[in-house]
Amino acid sequence: MPDITSELPRVLIEASKAELHSTGAIPRPQVHMLAEDMEHSYIGFVICRMFYRGQDAVTAIGDLGTLPSVLKMTRLMILWEDLDLLTALNQVTDPGSRALVLLDAQFDRHTLHRHPFEAVPTGQVVNGVPTVSLRWETPQRFHDGPLPEAINRLLRTWRELREDDMQETAMALQRSGYELNWATPTG
């Protein structure tokens, strides 16, 4: 059986690509939680609440680290679309910077997997809307490189290893609009 930590990045990127192709929607920022000291290490994931541009985006994305901190997760896989995130953070962006990004984070290091793509007009119009196809470019990998401030805040929050109540933390996140999804172990 393949190791979840080696398969999860591929699965997350492929699922995000499939969703992007079928719906045109990019994934909201999300954090997938792993406890490598447990037999079934994949615990589940949290999808970010809706947010406004600027400081609210930094806060919302940074707070994705709260539940993994309380649960004492040993590893996180964080997924976002780069242009969307940078726009939300009011950072200068190049329209060519579209990419699905997956950050494999451990306590002392991280690896960024960037999957750039370009939206190419097809020349077709469906229901009055021009359509595009996606052209995927060569994936890139970076070790311990710079990250957007909202992602750094998420990592700092997680690495605090908070002693808060798990149930209260989960309920507070849900009341704020975060989506929590728990894994069900099989076998």
C-alpha atoms as a PDB file:
ATOM      1  CA  MET A   1       0.000   0.000   0.000  1.00  0.00           C
ATOM      2  CA  PRO A   2       1.452   3.411  -0.973  1.00  0.00           C
ATOM      3  CA  ASP A   3       2.365   5.876   1.755  1.00  0.00           C
ATOM      4  CA  ILE A   4      -0.284   8.605   2.079  1.00  0.00           C
ATOM      5  CA  THR A   5       2.332  11.350   2.390  1.00  0.00           C
ATOM      6  CA  SER A   6       3.819  10.443  -0.977  1.00  0.00           C
ATOM      7  CA  GLU A   7       0.453   9.988  -2.741  1.00  0.00           C
ATOM      8  CA  LEU A   8      -1.547  12.867  -1.252  1.00  0.00           C
ATOM      9  CA  PRO A   9       0.141  15.700  -3.214  1.00  0.00           C
ATOM     10  CA  ARG A  10      -0.571  13.968  -6.530  1.00  0.00           C
ATOM     11  CA  VAL A  11      -4.162  13.157  -5.546  1.00  0.00           C
ATOM     12  CA  LEU A  12      -4.882  16.716  -4.395  1.00  0.00           C
ATOM     13  CA  ILE A  13      -3.454  18.298  -7.540  1.00  0.00           C
ATOM     14  CA  GLU A  14      -5.254  15.842  -9.844  1.00  0.00           C
ATOM     15  CA  ALA A  15      -8.575  16.379  -8.027  1.00  0.00           C
ATOM     16  CA  SER A  16      -8.112  20.161  -8.230  1.00  0.00           C
ATOM     17  CA  LYS A  17      -7.300  19.958 -11.936  1.00  0.00           C
ATOM     18  CA  ALA A  18     -10.406  17.829 -12.525  1.00  0.00           C
ATOM     19  CA  GLU A  19     -12.599  20.315 -10.632  1.00  0.00           C
ATOM     20  CA  LEU A  20     -11.068  23.221 -12.522  1.00  0.00           C
ATOM     21  CA  HIS A  21     -11.691  21.469 -15.871  1.00  0.00           C
ATOM     22  CA  SER A  22     -15.269  20.454 -15.078  1.00  0.00           C
ATOM     23  CA  THR A  23     -16.547  23.546 -13.244  1.00  0.00           C
ATOM     24  CA  GLY A  24     -14.076  26.335 -13.977  1.00  0.00           C
ATOM     25  CA  ALA A  25     -13.808  26.913 -10.219  1.00  0.00           C
ATOM     26  CA  ILE A  26     -10.468  27.120  -8.472  1.00  0.00           C
ATOM     27  CA  PRO A  27     -10.171  25.553  -5.018  1.00  0.00           C
ATOM     28  CA  ARG A  28     -10.434  27.774  -1.969  1.00  0.00           C
ATOM     29  CA  PRO A  29      -7.320  27.668   0.221  1.00  0.00           C
ATOM     30  CA  GLN A  30      -7.346  24.477   2.275  1.00  0.00           C
ATOM     31  CA  VAL A  31      -5.194  22.564   4.709  1.00  0.00           C
ATOM     32  CA  HIS A  32      -4.948  18.766   4.816  1.00  0.00           C
ATOM     33  CA  MET A  33      -3.870  17.402   8.192  1.00  0.00           C
ATOM     34  CA  LEU A  34      -1.564  14.465   8.854  1.00  0.00           C
ATOM     35  CA  ALA A  35      -0.501  12.824  12.104  1.00  0.00           C
ATOM     36  CA  GLU A  36       2.456  10.721  11.007  1.00  0.00           C
ATOM     37  CA  ASP A  37       2.667   9.096  14.438  1.00  0.00           C
ATOM     38  CA  MET A  38      -0.720   7.381  13.924  1.00  0.00           C
ATOM     39  CA  GLU A  39      -1.519   4.241  11.928  1.00  0.00           C
ATOM     40  CA  HIS A  40      -4.082   6.117   9.816  1.00  0.00           C
ATOM     41  CA  SER A  41      -2.154   9.345   9.396  1.00  0.00           C
ATOM     42  CA  TYR A  42      -4.598  11.309   7.215  1.00  0.00           C
ATOM     43  CA  ILE A  43      -6.964  13.063   9.642  1.00  0.00           C
ATOM     44  CA  GLY A  44      -8.966  15.283   7.296  1.00  0.00           C
ATOM     45  CA  PHE A  45      -8.991  18.801   5.899  1.00  0.00           C
ATOM     46  CA  VAL A  46     -10.272  22.317   6.463  1.00  0.00           C
ATOM     47  CA  ILE A  47     -11.427  24.613   3.642  1.00  0.00           C
ATOM     48  CA  CYS A  48     -11.050  28.336   4.213  1.00  0.00           C
ATOM     49  CA  ARG A  49     -14.036  30.556   4.922  1.00  0.00           C
ATOM     50  CA  MET A  50     -14.982  33.227   2.417  1.00  0.00           C
ATOM     51  CA  PHE A  51     -13.000  36.432   2.924  1.00  0.00           C
ATOM     52  CA  TYR A  52     -12.543  39.991   1.721  1.00  0.00           C
ATOM     53  CA  ARG A  53      -9.357  41.194   0.081  1.00  0.00           C
ATOM     54  CA  GLY A  54      -6.570  42.479   2.264  1.00  0.00           C
ATOM     55  CA  GLN A  55      -6.228  41.881   5.994  1.00  0.00           C
ATOM     56  CA  ASP A  56      -9.351  39.697   6.171  1.00  0.00           C
ATOM     57  CA  ALA A  57      -7.740  37.307   3.663  1.00  0.00           C
ATOM     58  CA  VAL A  58      -4.535  37.157   5.747  1.00  0.00           C
ATOM     59  CA  THR A  59      -6.562  36.432   8.893  1.00  0.00           C
ATOM     60  CA  ALA A  60      -8.829  33.833   7.257  1.00  0.00           C
ATOM     61  CA  ILE A  61      -5.958  31.912   5.678  1.00  0.00           C
ATOM     62  CA  GLY A  62      -3.757  32.222   8.759  1.00  0.00           C
ATOM     63  CA  ASP A  63      -6.550  30.783  10.911  1.00  0.00           C
ATOM     64  CA  LEU A  64      -6.464  27.594   8.816  1.00  0.00           C
ATOM     65  CA  GLY A  65      -3.538  26.664  11.089  1.00  0.00           C
ATOM     66  CA  THR A  66      -5.644  26.746  14.278  1.00  0.00           C
ATOM     67  CA  LEU A  67      -7.198  23.262  14.198  1.00  0.00           C
ATOM     68  CA  PRO A  68      -3.968  21.504  13.116  1.00  0.00           C
ATOM     69  CA  SER A  69      -2.227  23.292  15.993  1.00  0.00           C
ATOM     70  CA  VAL A  70      -4.780  22.133  18.572  1.00  0.00           C
ATOM     71  CA  LEU A  71      -4.729  18.585  17.149  1.00  0.00           C
ATOM     72  CA  LYS A  72      -0.887  18.538  17.222  1.00  0.00           C
ATOM     73  CA  MET A  73      -0.628  17.533  13.567  1.00  0.00           C
ATOM     74  CA  THR A  74       2.875  16.598  12.440  1.00  0.00           C
ATOM     75  CA  ARG A  75       2.514  17.546   8.771  1.00  0.00           C
ATOM     76  CA  LEU A  76       0.282  19.714   6.611  1.00  0.00           C
ATOM     77  CA  MET A  77      -0.495  19.818   2.906  1.00  0.00           C
ATOM     78  CA  ILE A  78      -1.766  23.286   2.014  1.00  0.00           C
ATOM     79  CA  LEU A  79      -3.447  23.911  -1.342  1.00  0.00           C
ATOM     80  CA  TRP A  80      -4.312  27.189  -3.105  1.00  0.00           C
ATOM     81  CA  GLU A  81      -4.381  28.874  -6.509  1.00  0.00           C
ATOM     82  CA  ASP A  82      -1.529  31.371  -6.677  1.00  0.00           C
ATOM     83  CA  LEU A  83      -3.003  34.266  -8.681  1.00  0.00           C
ATOM     84  CA  ASP A  84      -6.213  34.145  -6.645  1.00  0.00           C
ATOM     85  CA  LEU A  85      -4.298  34.195  -3.345  1.00  0.00           C
ATOM     86  CA  LEU A  86      -1.952  37.004  -4.393  1.00  0.00           C
ATOM     87  CA  THR A  87      -4.909  39.060  -5.641  1.00  0.00           C
ATOM     88  CA  ALA A  88      -6.714  38.519  -2.308  1.00  0.00           C
ATOM     89  CA  LEU A  89      -3.584  39.703  -0.504  1.00  0.00           C
ATOM     90  CA  ASN A  90      -3.475  42.869  -2.669  1.00  0.00           C
ATOM     91  CA  GLN A  91      -0.065  41.907  -4.022  1.00  0.00           C
ATOM     92  CA  VAL A  92       1.036  42.930  -7.487  1.00  0.00           C
ATOM     93  CA  THR A  93       0.346  39.999  -9.749  1.00  0.00           C
ATOM     94  CA  ASP A  94       1.249  38.960 -13.239  1.00  0.00           C
ATOM     95  CA  PRO A  95      -1.754  37.440 -15.062  1.00  0.00           C
ATOM     96  CA  GLY A  96       0.665  34.718 -16.160  1.00  0.00           C
ATOM     97  CA  SER A  97       1.177  33.597 -12.568  1.00  0.00           C
ATOM     98  CA  ARG A  98      -1.770  31.199 -12.497  1.00  0.00           C
ATOM     99  CA  ALA A  99      -0.820  27.973 -10.749  1.00  0.00           C
ATOM    100  CA  LEU A 100      -2.195  25.358  -8.423  1.00  0.00           C
ATOM    101  CA  VAL A 101       0.167  25.344  -5.462  1.00  0.00           C
ATOM    102  CA  LEU A 102       0.623  22.611  -2.890  1.00  0.00           C
ATOM    103  CA  LEU A 103       2.836  23.194   0.122  1.00  0.00           C
ATOM    104  CA  ASP A 104       4.076  20.094   1.950  1.00  0.00           C
ATOM    105  CA  ALA A 105       4.917  21.504   5.385  1.00  0.00           C
ATOM    106  CA  GLN A 106       6.709  19.904   8.295  1.00  0.00           C
ATOM    107  CA  PHE A 107       7.804  21.607  11.518  1.00  0.00           C
ATOM    108  CA  ASP A 108      11.302  22.420  10.273  1.00  0.00           C
ATOM    109  CA  ARG A 109      10.952  22.629   6.491  1.00  0.00           C
ATOM    110  CA  HIS A 110       8.584  22.842   3.544  1.00  0.00           C
ATOM    111  CA  THR A 111       8.446  21.915  -0.120  1.00  0.00           C
ATOM    112  CA  LEU A 112       6.366  23.959  -2.547  1.00  0.00           C
ATOM    113  CA  HIS A 113       4.922  22.188  -5.585  1.00  0.00           C
ATOM    114  CA  ARG A 114       3.784  24.695  -8.216  1.00  0.00           C
ATOM    115  CA  HIS A 115       1.663  23.574 -11.187  1.00  0.00           C
ATOM    116  CA  PRO A 116       1.427  26.556 -13.570  1.00  0.00           C
ATOM    117  CA  PHE A 117      -1.310  26.787 -16.161  1.00  0.00           C
ATOM    118  CA  GLU A 118      -2.583  29.164 -18.782  1.00  0.00           C
ATOM    119  CA  ALA A 119      -6.192  29.778 -19.789  1.00  0.00           C
ATOM    120  CA  VAL A 120      -6.322  29.659 -23.598  1.00  0.00           C
ATOM    121  CA  PRO A 121      -9.417  30.986 -25.439  1.00  0.00           C
ATOM    122  CA  THR A 122     -11.080  28.262 -27.514  1.00  0.00           C
ATOM    123  CA  GLY A 123     -12.927  30.635 -29.841  1.00  0.00           C
ATOM    124  CA  GLN A 124     -16.230  29.060 -28.767  1.00  0.00           C
ATOM    125  CA  VAL A 125     -19.029  30.806 -26.923  1.00  0.00           C
ATOM    126  CA  VAL A 126     -21.450  28.892 -24.689  1.00  0.00           C
ATOM    127  CA  ASN A 127     -24.527  30.709 -23.374  1.00  0.00           C
ATOM    128  CA  GLY A 128     -22.931  34.022 -24.312  1.00  0.00           C
ATOM    129  CA  VAL A 129     -19.708  33.286 -22.421  1.00  0.00           C
ATOM    130  CA  PRO A 130     -16.364  32.761 -24.200  1.00  0.00           C
ATOM    131  CA  THR A 131     -14.805  29.438 -23.222  1.00  0.00           C
ATOM    132  CA  VAL A 132     -11.199  28.581 -22.477  1.00  0.00           C
ATOM    133  CA  SER A 133      -9.117  25.455 -22.238  1.00  0.00           C
ATOM    134  CA  LEU A 134      -6.280  25.001 -19.796  1.00  0.00           C
ATOM    135  CA  ARG A 135      -2.708  24.442 -20.885  1.00  0.00           C
ATOM    136  CA  TRP A 136      -0.581  22.969 -18.095  1.00  0.00           C
ATOM    137  CA  GLU A 137       3.073  23.889 -17.970  1.00  0.00           C
ATOM    138  CA  THR A 138       5.969  21.996 -16.396  1.00  0.00           C
ATOM    139  CA  PRO A 139       5.513  21.605 -12.622  1.00  0.00           C
ATOM    140  CA  GLN A 140       8.097  23.269 -10.390  1.00  0.00           C
ATOM    141  CA  ARG A 141       9.394  22.323  -6.946  1.00  0.00           C
ATOM    142  CA  PHE A 142      11.053  24.605  -4.391  1.00  0.00           C
ATOM    143  CA  HIS A 143      12.496  23.711  -0.981  1.00  0.00           C
ATOM    144  CA  ASP A 144      12.176  26.155   1.942  1.00  0.00           C
ATOM    145  CA  GLY A 145      11.576  29.128  -0.323  1.00  0.00           C
ATOM    146  CA  PRO A 146       9.678  32.332   0.475  1.00  0.00           C
ATOM    147  CA  LEU A 147       5.910  32.096   0.955  1.00  0.00           C
ATOM    148  CA  PRO A 148       3.037  34.604   0.925  1.00  0.00           C
ATOM    149  CA  GLU A 149       2.526  36.203   4.358  1.00  0.00           C
ATOM    150  CA  ALA A 150      -0.888  34.555   4.832  1.00  0.00           C
ATOM    151  CA  ILE A 151       0.709  31.112   4.392  1.00  0.00           C
ATOM    152  CA  ASN A 152       3.539  32.039   6.777  1.00  0.00           C
ATOM    153  CA  ARG A 153       0.908  33.060   9.325  1.00  0.00           C
ATOM    154  CA  LEU A 154      -0.864  29.713   8.862  1.00  0.00           C
ATOM    155  CA  LEU A 155       2.422  27.878   9.488  1.00  0.00           C
ATOM    156  CA  ARG A 156       3.257  29.987  12.565  1.00  0.00           C
ATOM    157  CA  THR A 157      -0.208  29.334  14.011  1.00  0.00           C
ATOM    158  CA  TRP A 158       0.114  25.576  13.433  1.00  0.00           C
ATOM    159  CA  ARG A 159       3.607  25.385  14.900  1.00  0.00           C
ATOM    160  CA  GLU A 160       2.448  27.005  18.170  1.00  0.00           C
ATOM    161  CA  LEU A 161       0.849  23.661  19.173  1.00  0.00           C
ATOM    162  CA  ARG A 162      -1.980  25.290  21.090  1.00  0.00           C
ATOM    163  CA  GLU A 163      -3.588  23.669  24.121  1.00  0.00           C
ATOM    164  CA  ASP A 164      -7.156  24.771  23.278  1.00  0.00           C
ATOM    165  CA  ASP A 165     -10.167  22.438  23.338  1.00  0.00           C
ATOM    166  CA  MET A 166     -10.456  20.523  20.043  1.00  0.00           C
ATOM    167  CA  GLN A 167     -14.261  20.477  19.923  1.00  0.00           C
ATOM    168  CA  GLU A 168     -14.625  24.159  20.791  1.00  0.00           C
ATOM    169  CA  THR A 169     -11.983  25.064  18.198  1.00  0.00           C
ATOM    170  CA  ALA A 170     -13.720  23.017  15.486  1.00  0.00           C
ATOM    171  CA  MET A 171     -17.131  24.488  16.314  1.00  0.00           C
ATOM    172  CA  ALA A 172     -15.772  28.055  16.319  1.00  0.00           C
ATOM    173  CA  LEU A 173     -14.193  27.516  12.898  1.00  0.00           C
ATOM    174  CA  GLN A 174     -17.446  26.113  11.504  1.00  0.00           C
ATOM    175  CA  ARG A 175     -19.471  29.023  12.917  1.00  0.00           C
ATOM    176  CA  SER A 176     -17.027  31.352  11.128  1.00  0.00           C
ATOM    177  CA  GLY A 177     -17.636  29.599   7.792  1.00  0.00           C
ATOM    178  CA  TYR A 178     -14.748  27.129   7.568  1.00  0.00           C
ATOM    179  CA  GLU A 179     -15.614  23.679   6.204  1.00  0.00           C
ATOM    180  CA  LEU A 180     -14.242  20.745   8.224  1.00  0.00           C
ATOM    181  CA  ASN A 181     -13.975  17.299   6.665  1.00  0.00           C
ATOM    182  CA  TRP A 182     -12.831  14.341   8.762  1.00  0.00           C
ATOM    183  CA  ALA A 183     -11.252  11.235   7.266  1.00  0.00           C
ATOM    184  CA  THR A 184     -12.799   7.853   7.980  1.00  0.00           C
ATOM    185  CA  PRO A 185     -10.134   5.164   8.437  1.00  0.00           C
ATOM    186  CA  THR A 186     -10.675   1.965   6.473  1.00  0.00           C
ATOM    187  CA  GLY A 187      -9.246  -1.482   7.029  1.00  0.00           C
END
